C-alpha atoms as a PDB file:
ATOM      1  CA  MET A   1      -2.201  38.525  -9.896  1.00  0.00           C
ATOM      2  CA  SER A   2      -3.800  35.384 -11.347  1.00  0.00           C
ATOM      3  CA  ILE A   3      -3.667  36.614 -14.947  1.00  0.00           C
ATOM      4  CA  ASP A   4      -3.921  33.716 -17.384  1.00  0.00           C
ATOM      5  CA  SER A   5      -1.907  34.660 -20.490  1.00  0.00           C
ATOM      6  CA  SER A   6      -3.658  31.938 -22.502  1.00  0.00           C
ATOM      7  CA  ASP A   7      -7.169  33.324 -21.905  1.00  0.00           C
ATOM      8  CA  THR A   8      -8.549  34.414 -25.291  1.00  0.00           C
ATOM      9  CA  ALA A   9     -10.436  37.237 -23.559  1.00  0.00           C
ATOM     10  CA  ILE A  10      -7.108  39.055 -23.203  1.00  0.00           C
ATOM     11  CA  ILE A  11      -6.366  39.254 -26.970  1.00  0.00           C
ATOM     12  CA  ASP A  12      -7.900  42.746 -27.236  1.00  0.00           C
ATOM     13  CA  PHE A  13      -5.569  43.868 -24.445  1.00  0.00           C
ATOM     14  CA  TYR A  14      -2.553  42.497 -26.348  1.00  0.00           C
ATOM     15  CA  LYS A  15      -3.701  44.303 -29.501  1.00  0.00           C
ATOM     16  CA  LYS A  16      -4.070  47.585 -27.588  1.00  0.00           C
ATOM     17  CA  VAL A  17      -0.559  47.199 -26.166  1.00  0.00           C
ATOM     18  CA  VAL A  18       0.740  46.843 -29.732  1.00  0.00           C
ATOM     19  CA  GLU A  19      -1.392  49.745 -31.022  1.00  0.00           C
ATOM     20  CA  LEU A  20      -0.045  52.056 -28.318  1.00  0.00           C
ATOM     21  CA  GLY A  21       3.534  50.910 -28.859  1.00  0.00           C
ATOM     22  CA  LEU A  22       3.857  49.817 -25.254  1.00  0.00           C
ATOM     23  CA  SER A  23       6.153  47.168 -23.874  1.00  0.00           C
ATOM     24  CA  LEU A  24       4.766  44.157 -22.096  1.00  0.00           C
ATOM     25  CA  LEU A  25       6.882  42.385 -19.538  1.00  0.00           C
ATOM     26  CA  THR A  26       5.709  38.927 -18.632  1.00  0.00           C
ATOM     27  CA  HIS A  27       6.938  36.131 -16.468  1.00  0.00           C
ATOM     28  CA  ALA A  28       6.450  32.387 -16.498  1.00  0.00           C
ATOM     29  CA  GLY A  29       7.234  30.017 -13.711  1.00  0.00           C
ATOM     30  CA  MET A  30       6.769  29.854 -10.007  1.00  0.00           C
ATOM     31  CA  GLU A  31       6.255  33.091  -8.126  1.00  0.00           C
ATOM     32  CA  LYS A  32       8.638  33.446  -5.217  1.00  0.00           C
ATOM     33  CA  SER A  33       8.291  37.170  -4.469  1.00  0.00           C
ATOM     34  CA  PHE A  34       5.236  36.737  -2.277  1.00  0.00           C
ATOM     35  CA  SER A  35       4.464  34.555   0.719  1.00  0.00           C
ATOM     36  CA  SER A  36       1.660  32.872  -1.228  1.00  0.00           C
ATOM     37  CA  ALA A  37       0.928  32.771  -4.943  1.00  0.00           C
ATOM     38  CA  HIS A  38      -1.387  31.164  -7.464  1.00  0.00           C
ATOM     39  CA  ASP A  39       1.197  29.641  -9.832  1.00  0.00           C
ATOM     40  CA  GLU A  40      -0.969  27.700 -12.281  1.00  0.00           C
ATOM     41  CA  PRO A  41      -1.474  30.621 -14.728  1.00  0.00           C
ATOM     42  CA  THR A  42       2.289  31.168 -14.996  1.00  0.00           C
ATOM     43  CA  GLU A  43       3.165  27.985 -16.863  1.00  0.00           C
ATOM     44  CA  ALA A  44       5.357  28.794 -19.888  1.00  0.00           C
ATOM     45  CA  GLU A  45       2.957  27.023 -22.267  1.00  0.00           C
ATOM     46  CA  LYS A  46       0.323  29.623 -21.414  1.00  0.00           C
ATOM     47  CA  LEU A  47       2.426  32.309 -23.129  1.00  0.00           C
ATOM     48  CA  ILE A  48       1.776  30.753 -26.558  1.00  0.00           C
ATOM     49  CA  LEU A  49      -1.345  32.880 -27.132  1.00  0.00           C
ATOM     50  CA  LEU A  50       0.549  36.045 -26.261  1.00  0.00           C
ATOM     51  CA  LEU A  51       3.400  35.181 -28.617  1.00  0.00           C
ATOM     52  CA  ALA A  52       1.020  34.213 -31.420  1.00  0.00           C
ATOM     53  CA  SER A  53      -0.861  37.499 -30.983  1.00  0.00           C
ATOM     54  CA  VAL A  54       2.236  39.614 -31.569  1.00  0.00           C
ATOM     55  CA  TRP A  55       4.345  37.324 -33.786  1.00  0.00           C
ATOM     56  CA  GLN A  56       3.706  39.212 -37.047  1.00  0.00           C
ATOM     57  CA  LEU A  57       4.500  42.513 -35.352  1.00  0.00           C
ATOM     58  CA  LEU A  58       7.768  41.066 -34.079  1.00  0.00           C
ATOM     59  CA  LEU A  59       8.668  39.891 -37.580  1.00  0.00           C
ATOM     60  CA  ASN A  60       7.962  43.350 -39.017  1.00  0.00           C
ATOM     61  CA  ILE A  61      10.026  45.042 -36.314  1.00  0.00           C
ATOM     62  CA  SER A  62      12.918  42.634 -36.763  1.00  0.00           C
ATOM     63  CA  GLN A  63      13.065  43.442 -40.483  1.00  0.00           C
ATOM     64  CA  GLN A  64      13.288  47.162 -39.713  1.00  0.00           C
ATOM     65  CA  LEU A  65      15.672  46.884 -36.779  1.00  0.00           C
ATOM     66  CA  VAL A  66      18.290  44.400 -37.885  1.00  0.00           C
ATOM     67  CA  ASN A  67      20.354  45.003 -34.742  1.00  0.00           C
ATOM     68  CA  LEU A  68      17.436  44.341 -32.397  1.00  0.00           C
ATOM     69  CA  LYS A  69      18.314  41.747 -29.791  1.00  0.00           C
ATOM     70  CA  ALA A  70      15.974  39.895 -27.485  1.00  0.00           C
ATOM     71  CA  LYS A  71      16.741  37.773 -24.494  1.00  0.00           C
ATOM     72  CA  ILE A  72      14.541  34.839 -23.686  1.00  0.00           C
ATOM     73  CA  SER A  73      15.610  32.831 -20.698  1.00  0.00           C
ATOM     74  CA  PHE A  74      14.270  29.722 -19.089  1.00  0.00           C
ATOM     75  CA  ASN A  75      15.320  28.866 -15.587  1.00  0.00           C
ATOM     76  CA  GLY A  76      13.489  25.551 -15.400  1.00  0.00           C
ATOM     77  CA  TYR A  77      11.428  24.249 -12.547  1.00  0.00           C
END
């Protein structure tokens, strides 16, 4: 889809996702589901902006939901 998660133009989208209480599923790494893909925007480092945009929200949620568990996995390259 060629969406660059580090593009500052997408911050308003991230804020709207939070405002609406929606979940956002993202993926970093090489795309192998399609016969051809544009992999450059999927580097894990590009998720830093996304995480920074919602970090305070995550902290607030974690204080309210002490049993909340998250799974972050890295499969490497």
